[in-house]
Amino acid sequence: FMQWYRQAPGKQRELVAHITTGGSTNYADSAKGRFTISRDN
């Protein structure tokens, strides 16, 4: 399973997007509609 996280100065690391081994994806509310996670195995 693969994820993108981010950490801004002075803030905790947060999950941005997630993709399963089968290609299903989930996004943080802040990323929905703007970010796309993908994988090339």
PDB file of all heavy atoms in Angstrom:
ATOM      1  N   PHE A   1       0.863  -1.161   0.000  1.00  0.00           N
ATOM      2  CA  PHE A   1       0.000   0.000   0.000  1.00  0.00           C
ATOM      3  C   PHE A   1       0.913   1.228   0.000  1.00  0.00           C
ATOM      4  O   PHE A   1       1.905   1.264   0.725  1.00  0.00           O
ATOM      5  CB  PHE A   1      -0.876   0.012   1.253  1.00  0.00           C
ATOM      6  CG  PHE A   1      -1.997  -0.981   1.217  1.00  0.00           C
ATOM      7  CD1 PHE A   1      -1.745  -2.350   1.185  1.00  0.00           C
ATOM      8  CD2 PHE A   1      -3.319  -0.563   1.235  1.00  0.00           C
ATOM      9  CE1 PHE A   1      -2.790  -3.270   1.153  1.00  0.00           C
ATOM     10  CE2 PHE A   1      -4.358  -1.465   1.212  1.00  0.00           C
ATOM     11  CZ  PHE A   1      -4.097  -2.815   1.163  1.00  0.00           C
ATOM     12  N   MET A   2       0.540   2.228  -0.789  1.00  0.00           N
ATOM     13  CA  MET A   2       1.400   3.395  -0.931  1.00  0.00           C
ATOM     14  C   MET A   2       0.645   4.662  -0.552  1.00  0.00           C
ATOM     15  O   MET A   2      -0.557   4.797  -0.838  1.00  0.00           O
ATOM     16  CB  MET A   2       1.892   3.517  -2.369  1.00  0.00           C
ATOM     17  CG  MET A   2       2.739   2.350  -2.857  1.00  0.00           C
ATOM     18  SD  MET A   2       4.271   2.133  -1.906  1.00  0.00           S
ATOM     19  CE  MET A   2       5.109   3.679  -2.220  1.00  0.00           C
ATOM     20  N   GLN A   3       1.339   5.561   0.066  1.00  0.00           N
ATOM     21  CA  GLN A   3       0.749   6.819   0.532  1.00  0.00           C
ATOM     22  C   GLN A   3       1.655   8.000   0.188  1.00  0.00           C
ATOM     23  O   GLN A   3       2.880   7.850   0.086  1.00  0.00           O
ATOM     24  CB  GLN A   3       0.598   6.813   2.060  1.00  0.00           C
ATOM     25  CG  GLN A   3      -0.512   5.943   2.616  1.00  0.00           C
ATOM     26  CD  GLN A   3      -0.189   4.472   2.574  1.00  0.00           C
ATOM     27  OE1 GLN A   3      -1.014   3.647   2.144  1.00  0.00           O
ATOM     28  NE2 GLN A   3       1.011   4.095   3.015  1.00  0.00           N
ATOM     29  N   TRP A   4       1.053   9.149   0.073  1.00  0.00           N
ATOM     30  CA  TRP A   4       1.740  10.431   0.097  1.00  0.00           C
ATOM     31  C   TRP A   4       1.306  11.152   1.370  1.00  0.00           C
ATOM     32  O   TRP A   4       0.115  11.272   1.644  1.00  0.00           O
ATOM     33  CB  TRP A   4       1.398  11.298  -1.105  1.00  0.00           C
ATOM     34  CG  TRP A   4       2.037  10.870  -2.374  1.00  0.00           C
ATOM     35  CD1 TRP A   4       1.469  10.169  -3.398  1.00  0.00           C
ATOM     36  CD2 TRP A   4       3.392  11.136  -2.776  1.00  0.00           C
ATOM     37  NE1 TRP A   4       2.380   9.959  -4.395  1.00  0.00           N
ATOM     38  CE2 TRP A   4       3.565  10.546  -4.057  1.00  0.00           C
ATOM     39  CE3 TRP A   4       4.464  11.801  -2.190  1.00  0.00           C
ATOM     40  CZ2 TRP A   4       4.773  10.616  -4.743  1.00  0.00           C
ATOM     41  CZ3 TRP A   4       5.663  11.869  -2.869  1.00  0.00           C
ATOM     42  CH2 TRP A   4       5.815  11.278  -4.140  1.00  0.00           C
ATOM     43  N   TYR A   5       2.288  11.610   2.124  1.00  0.00           N
ATOM     44  CA  TYR A   5       2.078  12.456   3.283  1.00  0.00           C
ATOM     45  C   TYR A   5       2.725  13.806   3.023  1.00  0.00           C
ATOM     46  O   TYR A   5       3.563  13.943   2.129  1.00  0.00           O
ATOM     47  CB  TYR A   5       2.723  11.849   4.538  1.00  0.00           C
ATOM     48  CG  TYR A   5       1.999  10.678   5.139  1.00  0.00           C
ATOM     49  CD1 TYR A   5       2.097   9.407   4.592  1.00  0.00           C
ATOM     50  CD2 TYR A   5       1.234  10.835   6.303  1.00  0.00           C
ATOM     51  CE1 TYR A   5       1.441   8.317   5.165  1.00  0.00           C
ATOM     52  CE2 TYR A   5       0.588   9.752   6.893  1.00  0.00           C
ATOM     53  CZ  TYR A   5       0.698   8.505   6.306  1.00  0.00           C
ATOM     54  OH  TYR A   5       0.050   7.435   6.884  1.00  0.00           O
ATOM     55  N   ARG A   6       2.366  14.774   3.836  1.00  0.00           N
ATOM     56  CA  ARG A   6       3.054  16.057   3.790  1.00  0.00           C
ATOM     57  C   ARG A   6       3.169  16.638   5.184  1.00  0.00           C
ATOM     58  O   ARG A   6       2.377  16.329   6.074  1.00  0.00           O
ATOM     59  CB  ARG A   6       2.332  17.039   2.868  1.00  0.00           C
ATOM     60  CG  ARG A   6       0.977  17.510   3.361  1.00  0.00           C
ATOM     61  CD  ARG A   6       0.307  18.391   2.292  1.00  0.00           C
ATOM     62  NE  ARG A   6      -0.979  18.911   2.760  1.00  0.00           N
ATOM     63  CZ  ARG A   6      -1.822  19.581   1.963  1.00  0.00           C
ATOM     64  NH1 ARG A   6      -1.507  19.814   0.688  1.00  0.00           N
ATOM     65  NH2 ARG A   6      -2.976  20.011   2.441  1.00  0.00           N
ATOM     66  N   GLN A   7       4.185  17.482   5.338  1.00  0.00           N
ATOM     67  CA  GLN A   7       4.402  18.152   6.615  1.00  0.00           C
ATOM     68  C   GLN A   7       4.790  19.591   6.358  1.00  0.00           C
ATOM     69  O   GLN A   7       5.830  19.859   5.741  1.00  0.00           O
ATOM     70  CB  GLN A   7       5.480  17.446   7.432  1.00  0.00           C
ATOM     71  CG  GLN A   7       5.616  17.988   8.836  1.00  0.00           C
ATOM     72  CD  GLN A   7       6.426  17.071   9.730  1.00  0.00           C
ATOM     73  OE1 GLN A   7       7.173  16.210   9.269  1.00  0.00           O
ATOM     74  NE2 GLN A   7       6.270  17.239  11.043  1.00  0.00           N
ATOM     75  N   ALA A   8       3.951  20.487   6.822  1.00  0.00           N
ATOM     76  CA  ALA A   8       4.226  21.914   6.721  1.00  0.00           C
ATOM     77  C   ALA A   8       4.983  22.359   7.965  1.00  0.00           C
ATOM     78  O   ALA A   8       4.900  21.707   9.019  1.00  0.00           O
ATOM     79  CB  ALA A   8       2.917  22.680   6.584  1.00  0.00           C
ATOM     80  N   PRO A   9       5.706  23.465   7.871  1.00  0.00           N
ATOM     81  CA  PRO A   9       6.457  23.953   9.033  1.00  0.00           C
ATOM     82  C   PRO A   9       5.560  24.157  10.244  1.00  0.00           C
ATOM     83  O   PRO A   9       4.497  24.781  10.147  1.00  0.00           O
ATOM     84  CB  PRO A   9       7.029  25.278   8.536  1.00  0.00           C
ATOM     85  CG  PRO A   9       7.112  25.134   7.063  1.00  0.00           C
ATOM     86  CD  PRO A   9       5.924  24.296   6.680  1.00  0.00           C
ATOM     87  N   GLY A  10       5.975  23.601  11.367  1.00  0.00           N
ATOM     88  CA  GLY A  10       5.227  23.766  12.603  1.00  0.00           C
ATOM     89  C   GLY A  10       3.987  22.915  12.712  1.00  0.00           C
ATOM     90  O   GLY A  10       3.226  23.050  13.682  1.00  0.00           O
ATOM     91  N   LYS A  11       3.762  22.039  11.745  1.00  0.00           N
ATOM     92  CA  LYS A  11       2.565  21.203  11.758  1.00  0.00           C
ATOM     93  C   LYS A  11       2.941  19.729  11.749  1.00  0.00           C
ATOM     94  O   LYS A  11       4.057  19.356  11.404  1.00  0.00           O
ATOM     95  CB  LYS A  11       1.674  21.523  10.565  1.00  0.00           C
ATOM     96  CG  LYS A  11       1.094  22.932  10.596  1.00  0.00           C
ATOM     97  CD  LYS A  11       0.070  23.127   9.489  1.00  0.00           C
ATOM     98  CE  LYS A  11      -0.572  24.498   9.561  1.00  0.00           C
ATOM     99  NZ  LYS A  11      -1.595  24.669   8.490  1.00  0.00           N
ATOM    100  N   GLN A  12       1.969  18.904  12.126  1.00  0.00           N
ATOM    101  CA  GLN A  12       2.200  17.468  12.105  1.00  0.00           C
ATOM    102  C   GLN A  12       2.106  16.933  10.677  1.00  0.00           C
ATOM    103  O   GLN A  12       1.449  17.527   9.813  1.00  0.00           O
ATOM    104  CB  GLN A  12       1.174  16.769  13.000  1.00  0.00           C
ATOM    105  CG  GLN A  12       1.378  17.027  14.483  1.00  0.00           C
ATOM    106  CD  GLN A  12       0.630  16.029  15.349  1.00  0.00           C
ATOM    107  OE1 GLN A  12      -0.330  15.401  14.911  1.00  0.00           O
ATOM    108  NE2 GLN A  12       1.060  15.884  16.588  1.00  0.00           N
ATOM    109  N   ARG A  13       2.771  15.812  10.466  1.00  0.00           N
ATOM    110  CA  ARG A  13       2.685  15.149   9.173  1.00  0.00           C
ATOM    111  C   ARG A  13       1.253  14.645   8.969  1.00  0.00           C
ATOM    112  O   ARG A  13       0.646  14.102   9.885  1.00  0.00           O
ATOM    113  CB  ARG A  13       3.673  13.984   9.112  1.00  0.00           C
ATOM    114  CG  ARG A  13       3.898  13.419   7.736  1.00  0.00           C
ATOM    115  CD  ARG A  13       5.058  12.441   7.724  1.00  0.00           C
ATOM    116  NE  ARG A  13       6.332  13.082   8.060  1.00  0.00           N
ATOM    117  CZ  ARG A  13       7.512  12.470   7.934  1.00  0.00           C
ATOM    118  NH1 ARG A  13       7.563  11.215   7.497  1.00  0.00           N
ATOM    119  NH2 ARG A  13       8.609  13.098   8.268  1.00  0.00           N
ATOM    120  N   GLU A  14       0.734  14.853   7.759  1.00  0.00           N
ATOM    121  CA  GLU A  14      -0.637  14.442   7.492  1.00  0.00           C
ATOM    122  C   GLU A  14      -0.715  13.622   6.212  1.00  0.00           C
ATOM    123  O   GLU A  14       0.055  13.830   5.274  1.00  0.00           O
ATOM    124  CB  GLU A  14      -1.558  15.666   7.370  1.00  0.00           C
ATOM    125  CG  GLU A  14      -1.224  16.606   6.234  1.00  0.00           C
ATOM    126  CD  GLU A  14      -2.222  17.749   6.093  1.00  0.00           C
ATOM    127  OE1 GLU A  14      -3.197  17.820   6.865  1.00  0.00           O
ATOM    128  OE2 GLU A  14      -2.021  18.582   5.183  1.00  0.00           O
ATOM    129  N   LEU A  15      -1.674  12.716   6.192  1.00  0.00           N
ATOM    130  CA  LEU A  15      -1.903  11.878   5.017  1.00  0.00           C
ATOM    131  C   LEU A  15      -2.590  12.702   3.943  1.00  0.00           C
ATOM    132  O   LEU A  15      -3.593  13.369   4.204  1.00  0.00           O
ATOM    133  CB  LEU A  15      -2.755  10.677   5.397  1.00  0.00           C
ATOM    134  CG  LEU A  15      -3.128   9.723   4.269  1.00  0.00           C
ATOM    135  CD1 LEU A  15      -1.890   9.038   3.700  1.00  0.00           C
ATOM    136  CD2 LEU A  15      -4.118   8.673   4.785  1.00  0.00           C
ATOM    137  N   VAL A  16      -2.061  12.628   2.740  1.00  0.00           N
ATOM    138  CA  VAL A  16      -2.627  13.354   1.609  1.00  0.00           C
ATOM    139  C   VAL A  16      -3.451  12.416   0.722  1.00  0.00           C
ATOM    140  O   VAL A  16      -4.575  12.738   0.333  1.00  0.00           O
ATOM    141  CB  VAL A  16      -1.522  14.019   0.771  1.00  0.00           C
ATOM    142  CG1 VAL A  16      -2.115  14.687  -0.468  1.00  0.00           C
ATOM    143  CG2 VAL A  16      -0.742  15.019   1.607  1.00  0.00           C
ATOM    144  N   ALA A  17      -2.857  11.274   0.387  1.00  0.00           N
ATOM    145  CA  ALA A  17      -3.528  10.345  -0.526  1.00  0.00           C
ATOM    146  C   ALA A  17      -2.988   8.945  -0.306  1.00  0.00           C
ATOM    147  O   ALA A  17      -1.841   8.758   0.127  1.00  0.00           O
ATOM    148  CB  ALA A  17      -3.318  10.775  -1.971  1.00  0.00           C
ATOM    149  N   HIS A  18      -3.816   7.969  -0.650  1.00  0.00           N
ATOM    150  CA  HIS A  18      -3.521   6.563  -0.406  1.00  0.00           C
ATOM    151  C   HIS A  18      -3.952   5.766  -1.630  1.00  0.00           C
ATOM    152  O   HIS A  18      -4.982   6.062  -2.237  1.00  0.00           O
ATOM    153  CB  HIS A  18      -4.309   6.122   0.834  1.00  0.00           C
ATOM    154  CG  HIS A  18      -4.423   4.653   1.018  1.00  0.00           C
ATOM    155  ND1 HIS A  18      -3.458   3.898   1.634  1.00  0.00           N
ATOM    156  CD2 HIS A  18      -5.412   3.790   0.679  1.00  0.00           C
ATOM    157  CE1 HIS A  18      -3.852   2.642   1.660  1.00  0.00           C
ATOM    158  NE2 HIS A  18      -5.033   2.537   1.097  1.00  0.00           N
ATOM    159  N   ILE A  19      -3.164   4.755  -1.974  1.00  0.00           N
ATOM    160  CA  ILE A  19      -3.546   3.868  -3.067  1.00  0.00           C
ATOM    161  C   ILE A  19      -3.245   2.434  -2.645  1.00  0.00           C
ATOM    162  O   ILE A  19      -2.163   2.135  -2.130  1.00  0.00           O
ATOM    163  CB  ILE A  19      -2.844   4.246  -4.394  1.00  0.00           C
ATOM    164  CG1 ILE A  19      -3.375   3.395  -5.549  1.00  0.00           C
ATOM    165  CG2 ILE A  19      -1.330   4.161  -4.280  1.00  0.00           C
ATOM    166  CD1 ILE A  19      -2.980   3.936  -6.921  1.00  0.00           C
ATOM    167  N   THR A  20      -4.209   1.555  -2.863  1.00  0.00           N
ATOM    168  CA  THR A  20      -4.039   0.162  -2.468  1.00  0.00           C
ATOM    169  C   THR A  20      -3.277  -0.604  -3.547  1.00  0.00           C
ATOM    170  O   THR A  20      -2.976  -0.091  -4.627  1.00  0.00           O
ATOM    171  CB  THR A  20      -5.405  -0.498  -2.261  1.00  0.00           C
ATOM    172  OG1 THR A  20      -6.070  -0.608  -3.537  1.00  0.00           O
ATOM    173  CG2 THR A  20      -6.283   0.296  -1.309  1.00  0.00           C
ATOM    174  N   THR A  21      -2.997  -1.863  -3.240  1.00  0.00           N
ATOM    175  CA  THR A  21      -2.336  -2.708  -4.225  1.00  0.00           C
ATOM    176  C   THR A  21      -3.214  -2.908  -5.457  1.00  0.00           C
ATOM    177  O   THR A  21      -2.699  -3.092  -6.562  1.00  0.00           O
ATOM    178  CB  THR A  21      -1.999  -4.067  -3.622  1.00  0.00           C
ATOM    179  OG1 THR A  21      -3.198  -4.654  -3.085  1.00  0.00           O
ATOM    180  CG2 THR A  21      -0.963  -3.939  -2.506  1.00  0.00           C
ATOM    181  N   GLY A  22      -4.507  -2.813  -5.286  1.00  0.00           N
ATOM    182  CA  GLY A  22      -5.429  -2.981  -6.401  1.00  0.00           C
ATOM    183  C   GLY A  22      -5.761  -1.706  -7.140  1.00  0.00           C
ATOM    184  O   GLY A  22      -6.506  -1.738  -8.126  1.00  0.00           O
ATOM    185  N   GLY A  23      -5.214  -0.592  -6.658  1.00  0.00           N
ATOM    186  CA  GLY A  23      -5.417   0.671  -7.338  1.00  0.00           C
ATOM    187  C   GLY A  23      -6.541   1.531  -6.794  1.00  0.00           C
ATOM    188  O   GLY A  23      -6.804   2.611  -7.338  1.00  0.00           O
ATOM    189  N   SER A  24      -7.196   1.099  -5.729  1.00  0.00           N
ATOM    190  CA  SER A  24      -8.214   1.948  -5.108  1.00  0.00           C
ATOM    191  C   SER A  24      -7.554   3.113  -4.401  1.00  0.00           C
ATOM    192  O   SER A  24      -6.487   2.950  -3.810  1.00  0.00           O
ATOM    193  CB  SER A  24      -9.050   1.140  -4.121  1.00  0.00           C
ATOM    194  OG  SER A  24      -9.732   0.100  -4.769  1.00  0.00           O
ATOM    195  N   THR A  25      -8.209   4.269  -4.446  1.00  0.00           N
ATOM    196  CA  THR A  25      -7.596   5.483  -3.916  1.00  0.00           C
ATOM    197  C   THR A  25      -8.487   6.172  -2.894  1.00  0.00           C
ATOM    198  O   THR A  25      -9.720   6.037  -2.919  1.00  0.00           O
ATOM    199  CB  THR A  25      -7.297   6.470  -5.049  1.00  0.00           C
ATOM    200  OG1 THR A  25      -8.513   6.790  -5.731  1.00  0.00           O
ATOM    201  CG2 THR A  25      -6.312   5.885  -6.045  1.00  0.00           C
ATOM    202  N   ASN A  26      -7.844   6.897  -1.998  1.00  0.00           N
ATOM    203  CA  ASN A  26      -8.528   7.762  -1.048  1.00  0.00           C
ATOM    204  C   ASN A  26      -7.713   9.025  -0.869  1.00  0.00           C
ATOM    205  O   ASN A  26      -6.475   8.995  -0.997  1.00  0.00           O
ATOM    206  CB  ASN A  26      -8.701   7.072   0.306  1.00  0.00           C
ATOM    207  CG  ASN A  26      -9.891   6.132   0.314  1.00  0.00           C
ATOM    208  OD1 ASN A  26     -11.035   6.561   0.202  1.00  0.00           O
ATOM    209  ND2 ASN A  26      -9.627   4.847   0.440  1.00  0.00           N
ATOM    210  N   TYR A  27      -8.416  10.115  -0.556  1.00  0.00           N
ATOM    211  CA  TYR A  27      -7.762  11.418  -0.449  1.00  0.00           C
ATOM    212  C   TYR A  27      -8.210  12.159   0.802  1.00  0.00           C
ATOM    213  O   TYR A  27      -9.361  12.013   1.241  1.00  0.00           O
ATOM    214  CB  TYR A  27      -8.102  12.283  -1.660  1.00  0.00           C
ATOM    215  CG  TYR A  27      -7.642  11.710  -2.971  1.00  0.00           C
ATOM    216  CD1 TYR A  27      -8.467  10.874  -3.717  1.00  0.00           C
ATOM    217  CD2 TYR A  27      -6.367  12.000  -3.466  1.00  0.00           C
ATOM    218  CE1 TYR A  27      -8.037  10.336  -4.907  1.00  0.00           C
ATOM    219  CE2 TYR A  27      -5.935  11.462  -4.668  1.00  0.00           C
ATOM    220  CZ  TYR A  27      -6.775  10.629  -5.380  1.00  0.00           C
ATOM    221  OH  TYR A  27      -6.350  10.096  -6.569  1.00  0.00           O
ATOM    222  N   ALA A  28      -7.312  12.958   1.324  1.00  0.00           N
ATOM    223  CA  ALA A  28      -7.697  13.908   2.347  1.00  0.00           C
ATOM    224  C   ALA A  28      -8.661  14.913   1.729  1.00  0.00           C
ATOM    225  O   ALA A  28      -8.603  15.180   0.516  1.00  0.00           O
ATOM    226  CB  ALA A  28      -6.466  14.627   2.888  1.00  0.00           C
ATOM    227  N   ASP A  29      -9.521  15.466   2.546  1.00  0.00           N
ATOM    228  CA  ASP A  29     -10.495  16.432   2.026  1.00  0.00           C
ATOM    229  C   ASP A  29      -9.798  17.577   1.300  1.00  0.00           C
ATOM    230  O   ASP A  29     -10.289  18.094   0.292  1.00  0.00           O
ATOM    231  CB  ASP A  29     -11.360  16.980   3.163  1.00  0.00           C
ATOM    232  CG  ASP A  29     -12.374  15.963   3.665  1.00  0.00           C
ATOM    233  OD1 ASP A  29     -12.612  14.958   2.958  1.00  0.00           O
ATOM    234  OD2 ASP A  29     -12.921  16.163   4.763  1.00  0.00           O
ATOM    235  N   SER A  30      -8.647  17.980   1.798  1.00  0.00           N
ATOM    236  CA  SER A  30      -7.918  19.105   1.205  1.00  0.00           C
ATOM    237  C   SER A  30      -7.382  18.782  -0.182  1.00  0.00           C
ATOM    238  O   SER A  30      -7.053  19.694  -0.948  1.00  0.00           O
ATOM    239  CB  SER A  30      -6.762  19.515   2.113  1.00  0.00           C
ATOM    240  OG  SER A  30      -5.875  18.432   2.311  1.00  0.00           O
ATOM    241  N   ALA A  31      -7.293  17.499  -0.504  1.00  0.00           N
ATOM    242  CA  ALA A  31      -6.726  17.077  -1.784  1.00  0.00           C
ATOM    243  C   ALA A  31      -7.776  16.640  -2.803  1.00  0.00           C
ATOM    244  O   ALA A  31      -7.486  16.579  -4.004  1.00  0.00           O
ATOM    245  CB  ALA A  31      -5.748  15.929  -1.555  1.00  0.00           C
ATOM    246  N   LYS A  32      -8.954  16.368  -2.350  1.00  0.00           N
ATOM    247  CA  LYS A  32     -10.003  15.854  -3.247  1.00  0.00           C
ATOM    248  C   LYS A  32     -10.301  16.840  -4.372  1.00  0.00           C
ATOM    249  O   LYS A  32     -10.474  18.035  -4.137  1.00  0.00           O
ATOM    250  CB  LYS A  32     -11.276  15.571  -2.449  1.00  0.00           C
ATOM    251  CG  LYS A  32     -11.197  14.325  -1.594  1.00  0.00           C
ATOM    252  CD  LYS A  32     -12.471  14.112  -0.807  1.00  0.00           C
ATOM    253  CE  LYS A  32     -12.362  12.884   0.081  1.00  0.00           C
ATOM    254  NZ  LYS A  32     -13.565  12.693   0.934  1.00  0.00           N
ATOM    255  N   GLY A  33     -10.354  16.315  -5.575  1.00  0.00           N
ATOM    256  CA  GLY A  33     -10.679  17.131  -6.732  1.00  0.00           C
ATOM    257  C   GLY A  33      -9.501  17.870  -7.336  1.00  0.00           C
ATOM    258  O   GLY A  33      -9.617  18.439  -8.418  1.00  0.00           O
ATOM    259  N   ARG A  34      -8.367  17.882  -6.622  1.00  0.00           N
ATOM    260  CA  ARG A  34      -7.192  18.594  -7.118  1.00  0.00           C
ATOM    261  C   ARG A  34      -5.986  17.680  -7.322  1.00  0.00           C
ATOM    262  O   ARG A  34      -5.178  17.913  -8.218  1.00  0.00           O
ATOM    263  CB  ARG A  34      -6.803  19.718  -6.154  1.00  0.00           C
ATOM    264  CG  ARG A  34      -7.878  20.762  -5.939  1.00  0.00           C
ATOM    265  CD  ARG A  34      -7.333  21.938  -5.122  1.00  0.00           C
ATOM    266  NE  ARG A  34      -6.883  21.519  -3.791  1.00  0.00           N
ATOM    267  CZ  ARG A  34      -5.665  21.782  -3.308  1.00  0.00           C
ATOM    268  NH1 ARG A  34      -4.786  22.448  -4.032  1.00  0.00           N
ATOM    269  NH2 ARG A  34      -5.328  21.387  -2.082  1.00  0.00           N
ATOM    270  N   PHE A  35      -5.864  16.679  -6.472  1.00  0.00           N
ATOM    271  CA  PHE A  35      -4.707  15.776  -6.523  1.00  0.00           C
ATOM    272  C   PHE A  35      -5.141  14.406  -7.023  1.00  0.00           C
ATOM    273  O   PHE A  35      -6.264  13.956  -6.748  1.00  0.00           O
ATOM    274  CB  PHE A  35      -4.092  15.611  -5.130  1.00  0.00           C
ATOM    275  CG  PHE A  35      -3.465  16.838  -4.548  1.00  0.00           C
ATOM    276  CD1 PHE A  35      -3.488  18.065  -5.201  1.00  0.00           C
ATOM    277  CD2 PHE A  35      -2.831  16.769  -3.316  1.00  0.00           C
ATOM    278  CE1 PHE A  35      -2.905  19.196  -4.647  1.00  0.00           C
ATOM    279  CE2 PHE A  35      -2.232  17.880  -2.750  1.00  0.00           C
ATOM    280  CZ  PHE A  35      -2.278  19.093  -3.412  1.00  0.00           C
ATOM    281  N   THR A  36      -4.223  13.730  -7.719  1.00  0.00           N
ATOM    282  CA  THR A  36      -4.477  12.362  -8.171  1.00  0.00           C
ATOM    283  C   THR A  36      -3.264  11.496  -7.859  1.00  0.00           C
ATOM    284  O   THR A  36      -2.153  11.804  -8.306  1.00  0.00           O
ATOM    285  CB  THR A  36      -4.760  12.320  -9.675  1.00  0.00           C
ATOM    286  OG1 THR A  36      -5.889  13.160  -9.980  1.00  0.00           O
ATOM    287  CG2 THR A  36      -5.067  10.898 -10.119  1.00  0.00           C
ATOM    288  N   ILE A  37      -3.495  10.435  -7.108  1.00  0.00           N
ATOM    289  CA  ILE A  37      -2.431   9.477  -6.803  1.00  0.00           C
ATOM    290  C   ILE A  37      -2.545   8.325  -7.785  1.00  0.00           C
ATOM    291  O   ILE A  37      -3.653   7.892  -8.138  1.00  0.00           O
ATOM    292  CB  ILE A  37      -2.517   8.981  -5.341  1.00  0.00           C
ATOM    293  CG1 ILE A  37      -1.311   8.134  -4.967  1.00  0.00           C
ATOM    294  CG2 ILE A  37      -3.823   8.237  -5.085  1.00  0.00           C
ATOM    295  CD1 ILE A  37      -1.233   7.776  -3.478  1.00  0.00           C
ATOM    296  N   SER A  38      -1.392   7.837  -8.243  1.00  0.00           N
ATOM    297  CA  SER A  38      -1.387   6.698  -9.158  1.00  0.00           C
ATOM    298  C   SER A  38      -0.096   5.921  -8.961  1.00  0.00           C
ATOM    299  O   SER A  38       0.844   6.411  -8.326  1.00  0.00           O
ATOM    300  CB  SER A  38      -1.533   7.151 -10.609  1.00  0.00           C
ATOM    301  OG  SER A  38      -0.466   7.991 -10.998  1.00  0.00           O
ATOM    302  N   ARG A  39      -0.068   4.733  -9.510  1.00  0.00           N
ATOM    303  CA  ARG A  39       1.125   3.902  -9.385  1.00  0.00           C
ATOM    304  C   ARG A  39       1.368   3.146 -10.687  1.00  0.00           C
ATOM    305  O   ARG A  39       0.416   2.814 -11.399  1.00  0.00           O
ATOM    306  CB  ARG A  39       0.970   2.925  -8.217  1.00  0.00           C
ATOM    307  CG  ARG A  39      -0.123   1.893  -8.383  1.00  0.00           C
ATOM    308  CD  ARG A  39      -0.408   1.150  -7.063  1.00  0.00           C
ATOM    309  NE  ARG A  39       0.760   0.401  -6.616  1.00  0.00           N
ATOM    310  CZ  ARG A  39       0.914  -0.037  -5.373  1.00  0.00           C
ATOM    311  NH1 ARG A  39      -0.020   0.210  -4.447  1.00  0.00           N
ATOM    312  NH2 ARG A  39       1.995  -0.726  -5.051  1.00  0.00           N
ATOM    313  N   ASP A  40       2.644   2.912 -10.954  1.00  0.00           N
ATOM    314  CA  ASP A  40       3.058   2.098 -12.092  1.00  0.00           C
ATOM    315  C   ASP A  40       3.909   0.970 -11.523  1.00  0.00           C
ATOM    316  O   ASP A  40       5.096   1.165 -11.242  1.00  0.00           O
ATOM    317  CB  ASP A  40       3.825   2.942 -13.101  1.00  0.00           C
ATOM    318  CG  ASP A  40       4.166   2.169 -14.365  1.00  0.00           C
ATOM    319  OD1 ASP A  40       4.195   0.930 -14.327  1.00  0.00           O
ATOM    320  OD2 ASP A  40       4.421   2.816 -15.387  1.00  0.00           O
ATOM    321  N   ASN A  41       3.304  -0.182 -11.351  1.00  0.00           N
ATOM    322  CA  ASN A  41       4.023  -1.292 -10.725  1.00  0.00           C
ATOM    323  C   ASN A  41       5.180  -1.789 -11.578  1.00  0.00           C
ATOM    324  O   ASN A  41       6.177  -2.289 -11.051  1.00  0.00           O
ATOM    325  CB  ASN A  41       3.059  -2.434 -10.427  1.00  0.00           C
ATOM    326  CG  ASN A  41       2.078  -2.107  -9.315  1.00  0.00           C
ATOM    327  OD1 ASN A  41       2.337  -1.227  -8.477  1.00  0.00           O
ATOM    328  ND2 ASN A  41       0.954  -2.789  -9.303  1.00  0.00           N
TER     329      ASN A  41
END
